[in-house]
C-alpha cells in the first residue's frame, strides 16, 4: 500500500519541514521548545502526551525481512537486554 504525502526518515528533517510550512510534525518538547517560543512552530492543541520510558521500533511490514533492518533490530534488542535502564 502506497501512502500519500511526504515521509521523512530523519526526525530533524520532519521538524524542519514543519518550520518551513510544508506540513505538520509531532515533536518532543525539548526539541521544539525554542521554535514554539519564537513562533516558528505552533502547537495546535494544548494536549501534551508524556513520553514516559517506552520507545518503539516501527517499520512497514514489507521491510520486516530487510537484512539491514534485521541486523539493526537484533543489535538493538541485544543492547536493550544487556542494559535495560
PDB file of N, CA and C in Angstrom:
ATOM      1  N   UNK A   1       0.845  -1.185   0.000  1.00  0.00           N
ATOM      2  CA  UNK A   1       0.000   0.000   0.000  1.00  0.00           C
ATOM      3  C   UNK A   1       0.881   1.236   0.000  1.00  0.00           C
ATOM      4  N   UNK A   2       0.631   2.118  -0.898  1.00  0.00           N
ATOM      5  CA  UNK A   2       1.394   3.364  -1.017  1.00  0.00           C
ATOM      6  C   UNK A   2       0.719   4.439  -0.175  1.00  0.00           C
ATOM      7  N   UNK A   3       1.504   5.166   0.615  1.00  0.00           N
ATOM      8  CA  UNK A   3       0.951   6.274   1.378  1.00  0.00           C
ATOM      9  C   UNK A   3       1.109   7.559   0.592  1.00  0.00           C
ATOM     10  N   UNK A   4       0.231   8.496   0.834  1.00  0.00           N
ATOM     11  CA  UNK A   4       0.321   9.784   0.162  1.00  0.00           C
ATOM     12  C   UNK A   4       1.016  10.769   1.080  1.00  0.00           C
ATOM     13  N   UNK A   5       1.657  11.750   0.483  1.00  0.00           N
ATOM     14  CA  UNK A   5       2.299  12.793   1.265  1.00  0.00           C
ATOM     15  C   UNK A   5       3.772  12.521   1.470  1.00  0.00           C
ATOM     16  N   UNK A   6       4.390  13.437   2.178  1.00  0.00           N
ATOM     17  CA  UNK A   6       5.823  13.327   2.446  1.00  0.00           C
ATOM     18  C   UNK A   6       6.091  12.388   3.605  1.00  0.00           C
ATOM     19  N   UNK A   7       7.220  11.707   3.525  1.00  0.00           N
ATOM     20  CA  UNK A   7       7.700  10.865   4.622  1.00  0.00           C
ATOM     21  C   UNK A   7       9.158  11.195   4.822  1.00  0.00           C
ATOM     22  N   UNK A   8       9.582  11.262   6.068  1.00  0.00           N
ATOM     23  CA  UNK A   8      10.969  11.576   6.384  1.00  0.00           C
ATOM     24  C   UNK A   8      11.565  10.455   7.212  1.00  0.00           C
ATOM     25  N   UNK A   9      12.785  10.090   6.890  1.00  0.00           N
ATOM     26  CA  UNK A   9      13.495   9.073   7.648  1.00  0.00           C
ATOM     27  C   UNK A   9      14.283   9.688   8.794  1.00  0.00           C
ATOM     28  N   UNK A  10      14.221  11.000   8.908  1.00  0.00           N
ATOM     29  CA  UNK A  10      15.026  11.706   9.891  1.00  0.00           C
ATOM     30  C   UNK A  10      14.126  12.682  10.649  1.00  0.00           C
ATOM     31  N   UNK A  11      14.132  12.604  11.967  1.00  0.00           N
ATOM     32  CA  UNK A  11      13.291  13.445  12.817  1.00  0.00           C
ATOM     33  C   UNK A  11      13.567  14.928  12.578  1.00  0.00           C
ATOM     34  N   UNK A  12      14.839  15.294  12.479  1.00  0.00           N
ATOM     35  CA  UNK A  12      15.202  16.698  12.264  1.00  0.00           C
ATOM     36  C   UNK A  12      14.642  17.218  10.946  1.00  0.00           C
ATOM     37  N   UNK A  13      14.638  16.381   9.925  1.00  0.00           N
ATOM     38  CA  UNK A  13      14.087  16.809   8.634  1.00  0.00           C
ATOM     39  C   UNK A  13      12.585  17.031   8.731  1.00  0.00           C
ATOM     40  N   UNK A  14      11.892  16.183   9.474  1.00  0.00           N
ATOM     41  CA  UNK A  14      10.448  16.350   9.647  1.00  0.00           C
ATOM     42  C   UNK A  14      10.145  17.651  10.378  1.00  0.00           C
ATOM     43  N   UNK A  15      10.912  17.942  11.423  1.00  0.00           N
ATOM     44  CA  UNK A  15      10.706  19.201  12.149  1.00  0.00           C
ATOM     45  C   UNK A  15      11.025  20.400  11.265  1.00  0.00           C
ATOM     46  N   UNK A  16      12.085  20.307  10.474  1.00  0.00           N
ATOM     47  CA  UNK A  16      12.442  21.418   9.581  1.00  0.00           C
ATOM     48  C   UNK A  16      11.354  21.628   8.535  1.00  0.00           C
ATOM     49  N   UNK A  17      10.774  20.559   8.046  1.00  0.00           N
ATOM     50  CA  UNK A  17       9.686  20.685   7.079  1.00  0.00           C
ATOM     51  C   UNK A  17       8.504  21.410   7.713  1.00  0.00           C
ATOM     52  N   UNK A  18       8.214  21.122   8.965  1.00  0.00           N
ATOM     53  CA  UNK A  18       7.134  21.827   9.657  1.00  0.00           C
ATOM     54  C   UNK A  18       7.482  23.304   9.822  1.00  0.00           C
ATOM     55  N   UNK A  19       8.724  23.608  10.196  1.00  0.00           N
ATOM     56  CA  UNK A  19       9.165  25.002  10.327  1.00  0.00           C
ATOM     57  C   UNK A  19       9.033  25.712   8.985  1.00  0.00           C
ATOM     58  N   UNK A  20       9.340  25.018   7.898  1.00  0.00           N
ATOM     59  CA  UNK A  20       9.267  25.602   6.557  1.00  0.00           C
ATOM     60  C   UNK A  20       7.835  25.706   6.025  1.00  0.00           C
ATOM     61  N   UNK A  21       6.863  25.205   6.795  1.00  0.00           N
ATOM     62  CA  UNK A  21       5.468  25.303   6.387  1.00  0.00           C
ATOM     63  C   UNK A  21       5.010  24.227   5.443  1.00  0.00           C
ATOM     64  N   UNK A  22       5.771  23.150   5.330  1.00  0.00           N
ATOM     65  CA  UNK A  22       5.423  22.075   4.401  1.00  0.00           C
ATOM     66  C   UNK A  22       4.307  21.195   4.962  1.00  0.00           C
ATOM     67  N   UNK A  23       4.224  21.085   6.279  1.00  0.00           N
ATOM     68  CA  UNK A  23       3.212  20.224   6.876  1.00  0.00           C
ATOM     69  C   UNK A  23       3.270  20.293   8.376  1.00  0.00           C
ATOM     70  N   UNK A  24       2.882  19.221   9.008  1.00  0.00           N
ATOM     71  CA  UNK A  24       2.857  19.140  10.461  1.00  0.00           C
ATOM     72  C   UNK A  24       3.780  18.020  10.914  1.00  0.00           C
ATOM     73  N   UNK A  25       4.197  18.090  12.177  1.00  0.00           N
ATOM     74  CA  UNK A  25       5.039  17.042  12.753  1.00  0.00           C
ATOM     75  C   UNK A  25       4.685  16.902  14.221  1.00  0.00           C
ATOM     76  N   UNK A  26       4.884  15.739  14.743  1.00  0.00           N
ATOM     77  CA  UNK A  26       4.759  15.508  16.177  1.00  0.00           C
ATOM     78  C   UNK A  26       6.155  15.632  16.748  1.00  0.00           C
ATOM     79  N   UNK A  27       6.311  16.497  17.732  1.00  0.00           N
ATOM     80  CA  UNK A  27       7.646  16.760  18.247  1.00  0.00           C
ATOM     81  C   UNK A  27       7.764  16.526  19.739  1.00  0.00           C
ATOM     82  N   UNK A  28       8.953  16.197  20.153  1.00  0.00           N
ATOM     83  CA  UNK A  28       9.266  16.094  21.578  1.00  0.00           C
ATOM     84  C   UNK A  28       9.579  17.495  22.083  1.00  0.00           C
ATOM     85  N   UNK A  29       8.974  17.878  23.187  1.00  0.00           N
ATOM     86  CA  UNK A  29       9.076  19.244  23.684  1.00  0.00           C
ATOM     87  C   UNK A  29      10.509  19.772  23.748  1.00  0.00           C
ATOM     88  N   UNK A  30      11.491  19.019  24.256  1.00  0.00           N
ATOM     89  CA  UNK A  30      12.841  19.591  24.322  1.00  0.00           C
ATOM     90  C   UNK A  30      13.396  20.010  22.962  1.00  0.00           C
ATOM     91  N   UNK A  31      12.938  19.369  21.900  1.00  0.00           N
ATOM     92  CA  UNK A  31      13.438  19.674  20.562  1.00  0.00           C
ATOM     93  C   UNK A  31      12.684  20.816  19.877  1.00  0.00           C
ATOM     94  N   UNK A  32      11.478  21.139  20.370  1.00  0.00           N
ATOM     95  CA  UNK A  32      10.684  22.168  19.706  1.00  0.00           C
ATOM     96  C   UNK A  32      10.422  23.392  20.567  1.00  0.00           C
ATOM     97  N   UNK A  33      10.862  23.383  21.821  1.00  0.00           N
ATOM     98  CA  UNK A  33      10.528  24.473  22.738  1.00  0.00           C
ATOM     99  C   UNK A  33      10.997  25.834  22.208  1.00  0.00           C
ATOM    100  N   UNK A  34      12.190  25.908  21.644  1.00  0.00           N
ATOM    101  CA  UNK A  34      12.680  27.185  21.105  1.00  0.00           C
ATOM    102  C   UNK A  34      11.856  27.633  19.900  1.00  0.00           C
ATOM    103  N   UNK A  35      11.488  26.688  19.032  1.00  0.00           N
ATOM    104  CA  UNK A  35      10.673  27.025  17.867  1.00  0.00           C
ATOM    105  C   UNK A  35       9.273  27.466  18.288  1.00  0.00           C
ATOM    106  N   UNK A  36       8.739  26.858  19.332  1.00  0.00           N
ATOM    107  CA  UNK A  36       7.432  27.279  19.846  1.00  0.00           C
ATOM    108  C   UNK A  36       7.525  28.679  20.451  1.00  0.00           C
ATOM    109  N   UNK A  37       8.568  28.916  21.240  1.00  0.00           N
ATOM    110  CA  UNK A  37       8.731  30.222  21.897  1.00  0.00           C
ATOM    111  C   UNK A  37       8.923  31.348  20.885  1.00  0.00           C
ATOM    112  N   UNK A  38       9.615  31.075  19.791  1.00  0.00           N
ATOM    113  CA  UNK A  38       9.883  32.112  18.791  1.00  0.00           C
ATOM    114  C   UNK A  38       8.729  32.293  17.803  1.00  0.00           C
ATOM    115  N   UNK A  39       7.787  31.360  17.812  1.00  0.00           N
ATOM    116  CA  UNK A  39       6.674  31.444  16.869  1.00  0.00           C
ATOM    117  C   UNK A  39       6.931  30.740  15.555  1.00  0.00           C
ATOM    118  N   UNK A  40       8.099  30.101  15.392  1.00  0.00           N
ATOM    119  CA  UNK A  40       8.379  29.356  14.155  1.00  0.00           C
ATOM    120  C   UNK A  40       7.461  28.143  14.032  1.00  0.00           C
ATOM    121  N   UNK A  41       7.073  27.587  15.175  1.00  0.00           N
ATOM    122  CA  UNK A  41       6.109  26.485  15.207  1.00  0.00           C
ATOM    123  C   UNK A  41       4.978  26.857  16.161  1.00  0.00           C
ATOM    124  N   UNK A  42       3.829  26.246  15.948  1.00  0.00           N
ATOM    125  CA  UNK A  42       2.666  26.471  16.798  1.00  0.00           C
ATOM    126  C   UNK A  42       2.128  25.111  17.217  1.00  0.00           C
ATOM    127  N   UNK A  43       1.822  24.967  18.491  1.00  0.00           N
ATOM    128  CA  UNK A  43       1.175  23.751  18.981  1.00  0.00           C
ATOM    129  C   UNK A  43      -0.333  23.934  18.790  1.00  0.00           C
ATOM    130  N   UNK A  44      -0.960  23.168  17.898  1.00  0.00           N
ATOM    131  CA  UNK A  44      -2.374  23.391  17.607  1.00  0.00           C
ATOM    132  C   UNK A  44      -3.310  22.955  18.733  1.00  0.00           C
ATOM    133  N   UNK A  45      -2.798  22.162  19.680  1.00  0.00           N
ATOM    134  CA  UNK A  45      -3.604  21.666  20.786  1.00  0.00           C
ATOM    135  C   UNK A  45      -2.863  21.899  22.090  1.00  0.00           C
ATOM    136  N   UNK A  46      -3.600  22.032  23.175  1.00  0.00           N
ATOM    137  CA  UNK A  46      -2.966  22.140  24.489  1.00  0.00           C
ATOM    138  C   UNK A  46      -2.551  20.765  24.999  1.00  0.00           C
ATOM    139  N   UNK A  47      -3.086  19.734  24.376  1.00  0.00           N
ATOM    140  CA  UNK A  47      -2.794  18.367  24.780  1.00  0.00           C
ATOM    141  C   UNK A  47      -1.314  18.059  24.612  1.00  0.00           C
ATOM    142  N   UNK A  48      -0.707  17.528  25.651  1.00  0.00           N
ATOM    143  CA  UNK A  48       0.667  17.029  25.588  1.00  0.00           C
ATOM    144  C   UNK A  48       0.655  15.618  26.158  1.00  0.00           C
ATOM    145  N   UNK A  49       1.306  14.731  25.493  1.00  0.00           N
ATOM    146  CA  UNK A  49       1.329  13.338  25.919  1.00  0.00           C
ATOM    147  C   UNK A  49       2.701  13.026  26.487  1.00  0.00           C
ATOM    148  N   UNK A  50       2.775  12.609  27.744  1.00  0.00           N
ATOM    149  CA  UNK A  50       4.085  12.262  28.308  1.00  0.00           C
ATOM    150  C   UNK A  50       4.676  11.057  27.588  1.00  0.00           C
ATOM    151  N   UNK A  51       5.948  11.162  27.281  1.00  0.00           N
ATOM    152  CA  UNK A  51       6.632  10.108  26.554  1.00  0.00           C
ATOM    153  C   UNK A  51       6.881   8.899  27.432  1.00  0.00           C
ATOM    154  N   UNK A  52       7.093   9.137  28.699  1.00  0.00           N
ATOM    155  CA  UNK A  52       7.365   8.015  29.586  1.00  0.00           C
ATOM    156  C   UNK A  52       8.709   7.398  29.268  1.00  0.00           C
ATOM    157  N   UNK A  53       8.802   6.113  29.434  1.00  0.00           N
ATOM    158  CA  UNK A  53      10.071   5.442  29.230  1.00  0.00           C
ATOM    159  C   UNK A  53      10.014   4.410  28.117  1.00  0.00           C
ATOM    160  N   UNK A  54       8.987   4.451  27.309  1.00  0.00           N
ATOM    161  CA  UNK A  54       8.842   3.460  26.253  1.00  0.00           C
ATOM    162  C   UNK A  54       9.313   4.025  24.918  1.00  0.00           C
ATOM    163  N   UNK A  55      10.040   3.198  24.184  1.00  0.00           N
ATOM    164  CA  UNK A  55      10.444   3.518  22.817  1.00  0.00           C
ATOM    165  C   UNK A  55       9.982   2.368  21.948  1.00  0.00           C
ATOM    166  N   UNK A  56       9.655   2.652  20.719  1.00  0.00           N
ATOM    167  CA  UNK A  56       9.153   1.634  19.809  1.00  0.00           C
ATOM    168  C   UNK A  56       9.935   1.679  18.505  1.00  0.00           C
ATOM    169  N   UNK A  57      10.282   0.525  18.012  1.00  0.00           N
ATOM    170  CA  UNK A  57      10.874   0.412  16.686  1.00  0.00           C
ATOM    171  C   UNK A  57       9.721   0.092  15.737  1.00  0.00           C
ATOM    172  N   UNK A  58       9.431   1.003  14.839  1.00  0.00           N
ATOM    173  CA  UNK A  58       8.323   0.800  13.916  1.00  0.00           C
ATOM    174  C   UNK A  58       8.844   0.788  12.490  1.00  0.00           C
ATOM    175  N   UNK A  59       8.220  -0.016  11.668  1.00  0.00           N
ATOM    176  CA  UNK A  59       8.622  -0.118  10.274  1.00  0.00           C
ATOM    177  C   UNK A  59       7.469  -0.709   9.498  1.00  0.00           C
ATOM    178  N   UNK A  60       7.527  -0.531   8.200  1.00  0.00           N
ATOM    179  CA  UNK A  60       6.482  -1.059   7.323  1.00  0.00           C
ATOM    180  C   UNK A  60       6.613  -2.579   7.259  1.00  0.00           C
ATOM    181  N   UNK A  61       5.496  -3.314   7.255  1.00  0.00           N
ATOM    182  CA  UNK A  61       5.544  -4.775   7.266  1.00  0.00           C
ATOM    183  C   UNK A  61       6.392  -5.381   6.150  1.00  0.00           C
ATOM    184  N   UNK A  62       6.373  -4.775   4.962  1.00  0.00           N
ATOM    185  CA  UNK A  62       7.131  -5.367   3.857  1.00  0.00           C
ATOM    186  C   UNK A  62       8.639  -5.277   4.077  1.00  0.00           C
ATOM    187  N   UNK A  63       9.097  -4.474   5.057  1.00  0.00           N
ATOM    188  CA  UNK A  63      10.525  -4.349   5.340  1.00  0.00           C
ATOM    189  C   UNK A  63      11.008  -5.337   6.405  1.00  0.00           C
ATOM    190  N   UNK A  64      10.119  -6.133   6.980  1.00  0.00           N
ATOM    191  CA  UNK A  64      10.482  -6.961   8.122  1.00  0.00           C
ATOM    192  C   UNK A  64      11.606  -7.958   7.838  1.00  0.00           C
ATOM    193  N   UNK A  65      11.823  -8.325   6.593  1.00  0.00           N
ATOM    194  CA  UNK A  65      12.894  -9.261   6.251  1.00  0.00           C
ATOM    195  C   UNK A  65      14.104  -8.576   5.632  1.00  0.00           C
ATOM    196  N   UNK A  66      14.091  -7.244   5.571  1.00  0.00           N
ATOM    197  CA  UNK A  66      15.213  -6.480   5.031  1.00  0.00           C
ATOM    198  C   UNK A  66      16.454  -6.739   5.893  1.00  0.00           C
ATOM    199  N   UNK A  67      17.562  -7.120   5.277  1.00  0.00           N
ATOM    200  CA  UNK A  67      18.768  -7.519   6.014  1.00  0.00           C
ATOM    201  C   UNK A  67      19.281  -6.411   6.932  1.00  0.00           C
ATOM    202  N   UNK A  68      19.270  -5.179   6.477  1.00  0.00           N
ATOM    203  CA  UNK A  68      19.752  -4.071   7.300  1.00  0.00           C
ATOM    204  C   UNK A  68      18.843  -3.860   8.503  1.00  0.00           C
ATOM    205  N   UNK A  69      17.535  -3.950   8.300  1.00  0.00           N
ATOM    206  CA  UNK A  69      16.594  -3.792   9.404  1.00  0.00           C
ATOM    207  C   UNK A  69      16.745  -4.925  10.404  1.00  0.00           C
ATOM    208  N   UNK A  70      16.860  -6.141   9.917  1.00  0.00           N
ATOM    209  CA  UNK A  70      17.031  -7.293  10.803  1.00  0.00           C
ATOM    210  C   UNK A  70      18.299  -7.136  11.631  1.00  0.00           C
ATOM    211  N   UNK A  71      19.400  -6.730  11.004  1.00  0.00           N
ATOM    212  CA  UNK A  71      20.660  -6.539  11.736  1.00  0.00           C
ATOM    213  C   UNK A  71      20.517  -5.454  12.787  1.00  0.00           C
ATOM    214  N   UNK A  72      19.885  -4.331  12.438  1.00  0.00           N
ATOM    215  CA  UNK A  72      19.692  -3.254  13.399  1.00  0.00           C
ATOM    216  C   UNK A  72      18.786  -3.687  14.545  1.00  0.00           C
ATOM    217  N   UNK A  73      17.684  -4.349  14.216  1.00  0.00           N
ATOM    218  CA  UNK A  73      16.746  -4.811  15.244  1.00  0.00           C
ATOM    219  C   UNK A  73      17.439  -5.780  16.199  1.00  0.00           C
ATOM    220  N   UNK A  74      18.226  -6.707  15.660  1.00  0.00           N
ATOM    221  CA  UNK A  74      18.937  -7.665  16.505  1.00  0.00           C
ATOM    222  C   UNK A  74      19.948  -6.960  17.404  1.00  0.00           C
ATOM    223  N   UNK A  75      20.689  -6.003  16.842  1.00  0.00           N
ATOM    224  CA  UNK A  75      21.658  -5.242  17.628  1.00  0.00           C
ATOM    225  C   UNK A  75      20.959  -4.463  18.739  1.00  0.00           C
ATOM    226  N   UNK A  76      19.856  -3.805  18.387  1.00  0.00           N
ATOM    227  CA  UNK A  76      19.106  -3.010  19.349  1.00  0.00           C
ATOM    228  C   UNK A  76      18.590  -3.887  20.486  1.00  0.00           C
ATOM    229  N   UNK A  77      17.977  -4.991  20.150  1.00  0.00           N
ATOM    230  CA  UNK A  77      17.430  -5.885  21.172  1.00  0.00           C
ATOM    231  C   UNK A  77      18.522  -6.446  22.072  1.00  0.00           C
ATOM    232  N   UNK A  78      19.669  -6.785  21.513  1.00  0.00           N
ATOM    233  CA  UNK A  78      20.775  -7.300  22.324  1.00  0.00           C
ATOM    234  C   UNK A  78      21.260  -6.248  23.314  1.00  0.00           C
ATOM    235  N   UNK A  79      21.317  -5.005  22.888  1.00  0.00           N
ATOM    236  CA  UNK A  79      21.770  -3.937  23.763  1.00  0.00           C
ATOM    237  C   UNK A  79      20.729  -3.565  24.803  1.00  0.00           C
ATOM    238  N   UNK A  80      19.463  -3.627  24.464  1.00  0.00           N
ATOM    239  CA  UNK A  80      18.413  -3.337  25.432  1.00  0.00           C
ATOM    240  C   UNK A  80      18.385  -4.421  26.510  1.00  0.00           C
ATOM    241  N   UNK A  81      18.534  -5.653  26.103  1.00  0.00           N
ATOM    242  CA  UNK A  81      18.536  -6.745  27.067  1.00  0.00           C
ATOM    243  C   UNK A  81      19.736  -6.653  28.006  1.00  0.00           C
ATOM    244  N   UNK A  82      20.870  -6.163  27.499  1.00  0.00           N
ATOM    245  CA  UNK A  82      22.076  -6.031  28.307  1.00  0.00           C
ATOM    246  C   UNK A  82      21.969  -4.877  29.294  1.00  0.00           C
ATOM    247  N   UNK A  83      21.350  -3.753  28.868  1.00  0.00           N
ATOM    248  CA  UNK A  83      21.263  -2.564  29.705  1.00  0.00           C
ATOM    249  C   UNK A  83      19.883  -1.937  29.546  1.00  0.00           C
ATOM    250  N   UNK A  84      18.862  -2.508  30.231  1.00  0.00           N
ATOM    251  CA  UNK A  84      17.506  -2.006  30.036  1.00  0.00           C
ATOM    252  C   UNK A  84      17.262  -0.614  30.605  1.00  0.00           C
ATOM    253  N   UNK A  85      18.139  -0.085  31.406  1.00  0.00           N
ATOM    254  CA  UNK A  85      17.931   1.229  32.022  1.00  0.00           C
ATOM    255  C   UNK A  85      18.413   2.295  31.139  1.00  0.00           C
TER     256      UNK A  85
END
